[in-house]
Protein backbone atom coordinates (compact mmCIF):
# COMPACT_ATOMS: atom_id res chain seq x y z
CA MET A 1 -24.24 -37.48 5.37
CA LYS A 2 -26.74 -35.30 7.23
CA LYS A 3 -25.67 -33.73 10.47
CA ILE A 4 -27.69 -31.77 13.00
CA ILE A 5 -27.58 -28.01 12.64
CA LEU A 6 -26.82 -26.49 16.02
CA PRO A 7 -29.13 -23.83 17.40
CA VAL A 8 -27.54 -20.39 17.51
CA ALA A 9 -26.91 -20.50 21.25
CA ALA A 10 -25.02 -23.78 20.88
CA PHE A 11 -23.16 -22.38 17.88
CA LEU A 12 -21.87 -19.51 19.99
CA MET A 13 -20.56 -21.99 22.55
CA LEU A 14 -18.08 -23.18 19.96
CA PHE A 15 -16.20 -19.93 20.45
CA SER A 16 -15.58 -20.18 24.19
CA CYS A 17 -11.80 -20.50 23.94
CA GLN A 18 -9.79 -17.38 24.66
CA ASN A 19 -6.67 -16.44 22.74
CA ASP A 20 -5.51 -12.84 22.87
CA SER A 21 -2.77 -12.18 20.31
CA THR A 22 -1.33 -8.79 21.09
CA GLU A 23 2.38 -9.11 20.48
CA ILE A 24 4.31 -9.09 17.23
CA MET A 25 5.52 -12.64 16.75
CA PRO A 26 9.02 -13.67 15.66
CA GLU A 27 9.66 -14.36 12.04
CA ALA A 28 8.08 -17.62 10.96
CA SER A 29 10.08 -20.63 9.84
CA THR A 30 8.85 -23.06 7.20
CA ILE A 31 5.17 -23.81 7.79
CA LEU A 32 4.63 -27.56 7.85
CA GLN A 33 0.90 -27.60 8.65
CA ARG A 34 -1.88 -25.23 7.69
CA GLY A 35 -2.58 -22.66 10.39
CA CYS A 36 -5.72 -20.51 10.16
CA ALA A 37 -6.27 -18.19 13.11
CA SER A 38 -9.81 -17.07 12.21
CA GLN A 39 -11.39 -19.00 15.07
CA GLU A 40 -8.93 -17.69 17.66
CA VAL A 41 -9.33 -14.14 16.42
CA LEU A 42 -13.11 -14.47 16.68
CA ALA A 43 -12.82 -15.70 20.27
CA ALA A 44 -10.63 -12.72 21.16
CA GLN A 45 -13.03 -10.29 19.46
CA MET A 46 -15.97 -11.76 21.37
CA LYS A 47 -14.08 -11.36 24.64
CA ALA A 48 -13.31 -7.72 23.82
CA ASP A 49 -16.80 -6.89 22.51
CA PRO A 50 -19.75 -8.69 24.14
CA THR A 51 -22.13 -7.19 21.55
CA LEU A 52 -20.41 -9.15 18.75
CA ALA A 53 -22.08 -12.36 19.91
CA LEU A 54 -25.47 -10.66 19.64
CA ARG A 55 -24.72 -9.43 16.11
CA MET A 56 -23.54 -12.86 15.02
CA ASN A 57 -26.60 -14.41 16.65
CA LYS A 58 -28.80 -12.20 14.46
CA ILE A 59 -26.76 -13.02 11.35
CA GLU A 60 -27.11 -16.74 12.03
CA ALA A 61 -30.87 -16.43 12.58
CA PHE A 62 -31.19 -14.45 9.33
CA THR A 63 -29.08 -17.02 7.49
CA GLU A 64 -31.22 -19.94 8.67
CA LYS A 65 -34.42 -18.07 7.74
CA ALA A 66 -33.08 -17.16 4.28
CA MET A 67 -32.10 -20.77 3.59
CA LEU A 68 -35.43 -22.15 4.77
CA SER A 69 -37.43 -19.67 2.70
CA SER A 70 -35.15 -20.01 -0.36
CA ARG A 71 -34.88 -16.21 -0.26
CA LEU A 72 -31.36 -16.32 -1.59
CA VAL A 73 -29.56 -13.89 -3.83
CA ASN A 74 -30.52 -13.91 -7.50
CA GLY A 75 -28.31 -12.62 -10.23
CA LYS A 76 -24.64 -11.78 -10.03
CA VAL A 77 -22.56 -11.06 -6.96
CA GLU A 78 -19.29 -9.36 -7.87
CA ILE A 79 -16.76 -8.61 -5.14
CA PRO A 80 -14.39 -5.67 -5.65
CA VAL A 81 -11.05 -6.41 -4.00
CA VAL A 82 -8.39 -4.08 -2.63
CA VAL A 83 -5.08 -5.76 -1.81
CA ASN A 84 -2.97 -4.05 0.86
CA VAL A 85 0.70 -5.05 0.66
CA LEU A 86 2.94 -4.48 3.69
CA TYR A 87 6.61 -5.18 3.13
CA LYS A 88 9.97 -4.88 4.83
CA THR A 89 11.92 -6.75 2.16
CA ALA A 90 11.72 -6.63 -1.63
CA ALA A 91 10.37 -10.18 -1.68
CA GLU A 92 7.47 -9.21 0.59
CA ASN A 93 6.51 -6.45 -1.86
CA ILE A 94 4.74 -9.00 -4.03
CA SER A 95 4.22 -8.26 -7.71
CA LEU A 96 1.01 -7.32 -9.45
CA ALA A 97 1.26 -10.62 -11.33
CA GLN A 98 1.30 -12.53 -8.04
CA ILE A 99 -1.67 -10.53 -6.77
CA GLN A 100 -3.64 -11.14 -9.97
CA SER A 101 -2.88 -14.85 -9.74
CA GLN A 102 -4.69 -14.88 -6.39
CA ILE A 103 -7.73 -13.15 -7.87
CA ASP A 104 -7.68 -15.74 -10.67
CA VAL A 105 -7.64 -18.59 -8.14
CA LEU A 106 -10.61 -17.13 -6.27
CA ASN A 107 -12.57 -16.81 -9.50
CA GLU A 108 -11.80 -20.39 -10.43
CA ASP A 109 -12.55 -21.89 -7.02
CA PHE A 110 -15.77 -19.93 -6.43
CA ASN A 111 -17.05 -20.75 -9.93
CA ALA A 112 -16.18 -24.46 -10.10
CA ALA A 113 -13.66 -23.64 -12.82
CA ASN A 114 -10.63 -25.06 -10.99
CA SER A 115 -8.92 -27.82 -12.94
CA ASP A 116 -9.18 -30.27 -10.01
CA TYR A 117 -12.96 -29.83 -9.60
CA SER A 118 -13.40 -33.00 -11.65
CA SER A 119 -11.50 -34.89 -8.94
CA VAL A 120 -14.43 -34.64 -6.51
CA PRO A 121 -15.31 -38.25 -5.58
CA THR A 122 -18.55 -39.73 -6.85
CA LEU A 123 -19.81 -39.95 -3.26
CA PHE A 124 -19.85 -36.14 -3.07
CA SER A 125 -20.75 -35.34 -6.69
CA GLY A 126 -24.38 -34.69 -5.77
CA VAL A 127 -23.51 -31.90 -3.33
CA LYS A 128 -20.54 -30.20 -5.00
CA ALA A 129 -21.40 -26.63 -5.91
CA ASN A 130 -20.57 -23.68 -8.12
CA ILE A 131 -20.82 -20.71 -5.75
CA GLY A 132 -21.16 -18.28 -8.66
CA ILE A 133 -19.39 -15.30 -7.07
CA THR A 134 -16.72 -13.35 -8.95
CA PHE A 135 -13.86 -11.18 -7.73
CA VAL A 136 -12.41 -8.10 -9.43
CA LEU A 137 -9.15 -6.44 -8.41
CA GLN A 138 -9.96 -2.78 -7.81
CA ASN A 139 -6.70 -1.46 -6.38
CA VAL A 140 -3.37 -2.35 -4.79
CA VAL A 141 -2.11 -0.26 -1.87
CA ARG A 142 1.51 -0.67 -0.78
CA ARG A 143 3.40 0.47 2.30
CA ALA A 144 6.97 -0.12 3.41
CA THR A 145 7.28 -1.11 7.08
CA THR A 146 9.91 -1.81 9.70
CA THR A 147 7.86 -4.68 11.13
CA THR A 148 9.59 -8.03 10.65
CA SER A 149 6.48 -10.17 11.13
CA TRP A 150 2.85 -9.67 12.08
CA SER A 151 0.53 -11.32 14.58
CA THR A 152 -3.26 -11.69 14.65
CA ASN A 153 -3.86 -8.46 16.60
CA ASP A 154 -5.02 -6.60 13.44
CA ALA A 155 -2.11 -4.14 13.54
CA MET A 156 -1.68 -4.53 9.78
CA LYS A 157 -5.19 -3.06 9.35
CA LYS A 158 -4.47 0.15 11.24
CA SER A 159 -2.87 3.24 9.79
CA ALA A 160 -0.32 3.53 12.62
CA LYS A 161 1.78 0.67 11.25
CA GLY A 162 -0.33 -0.84 8.50
CA ILE A 163 -3.01 0.10 5.99
CA ALA A 164 -6.59 0.88 6.97
CA PRO A 165 -9.29 -0.92 4.94
CA THR A 166 -10.92 0.74 1.95
CA THR A 167 -14.76 1.08 2.26
CA PRO A 168 -15.19 -2.41 3.79
CA SER A 169 -18.99 -2.38 3.41
CA THR A 170 -18.60 -2.66 -0.37
CA VAL A 171 -15.00 -3.85 -0.86
CA LEU A 172 -13.20 -7.01 0.25
CA ASN A 173 -9.90 -5.92 1.72
CA MET A 174 -7.02 -8.38 1.66
CA TRP A 175 -3.68 -7.86 3.39
CA SER A 176 -0.47 -9.51 2.26
CA CYS A 177 2.28 -9.46 4.88
CA ASN A 178 4.83 -11.67 6.62
CA MET A 179 2.83 -13.56 9.24
CA GLY A 180 4.56 -15.00 12.29
CA GLY A 181 3.72 -17.90 14.56
CA GLY A 182 3.12 -20.41 11.77
CA ILE A 183 -0.08 -18.66 10.71
CA LEU A 184 -0.96 -18.73 7.00
CA GLY A 185 -3.87 -16.32 7.36
CA TYR A 186 -7.06 -15.35 9.10
CA ALA A 187 -10.36 -13.71 8.27
CA GLN A 188 -13.01 -11.70 10.07
CA PHE A 189 -16.46 -13.27 10.12
CA PRO A 190 -19.55 -11.21 9.24
CA GLY A 191 -20.65 -9.08 12.16
CA GLY A 192 -17.22 -7.82 13.19
CA ALA A 193 -16.11 -4.20 13.22
CA ALA A 194 -15.84 -2.50 9.84
CA ALA A 195 -12.43 -1.07 10.77
CA THR A 196 -10.92 -4.58 10.85
CA ASP A 197 -13.02 -6.36 8.23
CA GLY A 198 -11.25 -8.43 5.61
CA VAL A 199 -8.75 -11.25 5.08
CA VAL A 200 -5.06 -11.44 6.00
CA MET A 201 -2.58 -13.82 4.38
CA ASP A 202 1.09 -14.57 4.54
CA ASN A 203 2.83 -13.28 1.41
CA ASN A 204 4.35 -16.73 0.79
CA ALA A 205 0.84 -18.23 0.49
CA PHE A 206 -0.67 -15.42 -1.58
CA GLY A 207 -1.52 -16.53 -5.13
CA ARG A 208 0.25 -19.22 -7.14
CA THR A 209 3.33 -17.49 -8.53
CA GLY A 210 6.12 -15.25 -7.29
CA THR A 211 7.07 -15.79 -3.63
CA VAL A 212 4.69 -18.68 -2.93
CA SER A 213 6.37 -21.81 -1.65
CA GLY A 214 5.91 -25.31 -0.30
CA VAL A 215 2.51 -27.01 -0.20
CA TYR A 216 0.61 -23.71 0.06
CA ASN A 217 1.51 -22.52 -3.42
CA LEU A 218 -1.86 -22.74 -5.23
CA GLY A 219 -3.72 -19.82 -3.67
CA ARG A 220 -6.09 -21.96 -1.59
CA THR A 221 -5.25 -20.12 1.64
CA ALA A 222 -7.28 -17.20 0.29
CA THR A 223 -10.10 -19.50 -0.82
CA HIS A 224 -10.27 -20.90 2.72
CA GLU A 225 -10.10 -17.48 4.39
CA VAL A 226 -12.62 -15.84 2.05
CA GLY A 227 -14.87 -18.77 2.92
CA HIS A 228 -14.69 -17.62 6.55
CA TRP A 229 -15.32 -14.01 5.47
CA MET A 230 -18.47 -15.38 3.81
CA ASN A 231 -19.61 -17.05 7.05
CA LEU A 232 -18.29 -20.59 6.59
CA ARG A 233 -16.88 -22.49 9.57
CA HIS A 234 -14.14 -25.08 9.58
CA ILE A 235 -15.61 -28.33 8.37
CA TRP A 236 -14.95 -30.12 11.70
CA GLY A 237 -16.80 -27.35 13.58
CA ASP A 238 -13.70 -26.51 15.68
CA ALA A 239 -14.63 -29.32 18.04
CA THR A 240 -14.26 -33.10 18.00
CA CYS A 241 -17.13 -34.32 15.79
CA GLY A 242 -18.45 -30.74 15.81
CA SER A 243 -20.90 -29.03 13.47
CA ASP A 244 -20.02 -26.51 10.76
CA LEU A 245 -23.72 -25.48 10.57
CA VAL A 246 -24.00 -27.04 7.10
CA SER A 247 -26.34 -29.97 6.42
CA ASP A 248 -24.54 -31.65 3.50
CA THR A 249 -21.00 -31.94 4.85
CA PRO A 250 -19.97 -35.11 6.73
CA THR A 251 -19.08 -34.92 10.41
CA HIS A 252 -15.30 -34.80 10.84
CA ASN A 253 -13.27 -35.91 13.84
CA THR A 254 -10.99 -32.89 13.55
CA ALA A 255 -8.84 -31.07 11.01
CA ASN A 256 -7.08 -33.05 8.28
CA TYR A 257 -3.58 -32.20 7.06
CA GLY A 258 -1.52 -33.10 4.03
CA VAL A 259 -3.46 -34.95 1.31
CA PRO A 260 -5.31 -37.84 2.98
CA ALA A 261 -5.90 -40.99 0.95
CA TYR A 262 -9.53 -41.42 -0.10
CA PRO A 263 -11.72 -42.67 1.49
CA HIS A 264 -10.81 -41.30 4.91
CA TYR A 265 -13.36 -42.42 7.49
CA SER A 266 -14.49 -40.47 10.53
CA THR A 267 -14.98 -42.27 13.85
CA CYS A 268 -17.89 -39.95 14.64
CA THR A 269 -21.47 -41.25 14.69
CA GLY A 270 -22.17 -43.19 11.50
CA THR A 271 -18.46 -43.32 10.56
CA PRO A 272 -18.96 -41.15 7.47
CA VAL A 273 -16.32 -40.65 4.80
CA GLU A 274 -14.76 -37.27 5.55
CA MET A 275 -14.83 -34.58 2.87
CA THR A 276 -11.12 -33.87 3.16
CA MET A 277 -11.11 -32.10 -0.21
CA ASN A 278 -13.43 -29.34 1.05
CA TYR A 279 -11.87 -25.88 1.08
CA MET A 280 -12.78 -25.50 4.76
CA ASP A 281 -10.56 -28.36 5.93
CA TYR A 282 -6.83 -27.91 6.66
CA THR A 283 -5.39 -30.04 3.85
CA ASP A 284 -2.57 -28.91 1.54
CA ASP A 285 -3.53 -26.64 -1.35
CA ARG A 286 -3.54 -29.51 -3.84
CA GLY A 287 -5.79 -31.53 -1.53
CA MET A 288 -8.74 -29.08 -1.40
CA TYR A 289 -10.98 -28.36 -4.38
CA MET A 290 -14.70 -28.15 -3.56
CA PHE A 291 -17.53 -26.35 -1.78
CA THR A 292 -20.98 -27.86 -1.20
CA SER A 293 -24.51 -26.71 -1.95
CA GLY A 294 -25.10 -26.17 1.76
CA GLN A 295 -22.04 -23.95 1.99
CA LYS A 296 -23.28 -22.05 -1.05
CA SER A 297 -26.61 -21.41 0.68
CA ARG A 298 -24.84 -19.98 3.74
CA MET A 299 -22.73 -17.69 1.56
CA ASP A 300 -25.65 -16.62 -0.62
CA ALA A 301 -27.66 -15.57 2.45
CA LEU A 302 -25.12 -12.83 3.17
CA PHE A 303 -25.90 -10.95 -0.03
CA VAL A 304 -29.71 -10.78 -0.02
CA SER A 305 -31.49 -7.64 1.14
CA GLY A 306 -30.93 -7.44 4.88
CA GLY A 307 -27.95 -9.80 4.75
CA ALA A 308 -24.72 -9.00 6.55
CA ARG A 309 -22.91 -8.25 3.27
CA ALA A 310 -25.84 -7.00 1.22
CA GLY A 311 -23.77 -4.03 0.04
CA PHE A 312 -21.92 -6.38 -2.33
CA GLY A 313 -25.00 -7.73 -4.10
CA ILE A 314 -25.81 -6.53 -7.61
């Protein structure tokens, strides 16, 4: 199951695609397949800010050093969360109960307390991991808007039309709004600008009660996007048989959708069984229910002294 960890320079090559999203998209219809725009947003940010690649290069080098030296965070990491709700309709003004349900899902999924954790196949039981990070709802900020749907241009994070983030160096900001273009959500990776740091999600995929619908009704969109916010890549490495920079995840051909039957074999070198139930794949909410020890190490490295999100460590 081992795969080669790419050097940082090669890692940065994964983000060569360009995708500038600057227009408000039309209202989305029913979303049939998971759409996460984190990778496209990162590519656009790198195009706009050449220094971002240098910052991410340093973060990656620090992460690799922290993992090799076992200098990972000890003790408790607790993440305060501010949820920013942008709404045009009453349904988009999601309830506190719906918001809390999303916090509950994050606490379950990041602490191996999700009810489907026991479904992890025996093949992967030796690498499944309890991340051990907790989330606490600190505040909910609401704003009525005339915007019908939002794109990935970060307009929801700016005070002109949206809500600016609250102290992003010590608080995880999440935005709930009506996303267009078939996008369920997107996150900003460590190293990006503080003014746009955080996670955005469609209100119909936020939590597991209230307005949630379809196959994205268990709150796993946030689990996936917070994974990106904590420096995890898509499990297929955003390339055919690519690398996610994690040593204990199998090499995937590409993204998986729906709930693939197990075992699902890759045609990449070694034809490994793909870890379709990993939170960083694109499967339906009920089809994803695990992180790995290698992913835990990447996340932990953010919170040690000198890490990109050290302000959250306790």
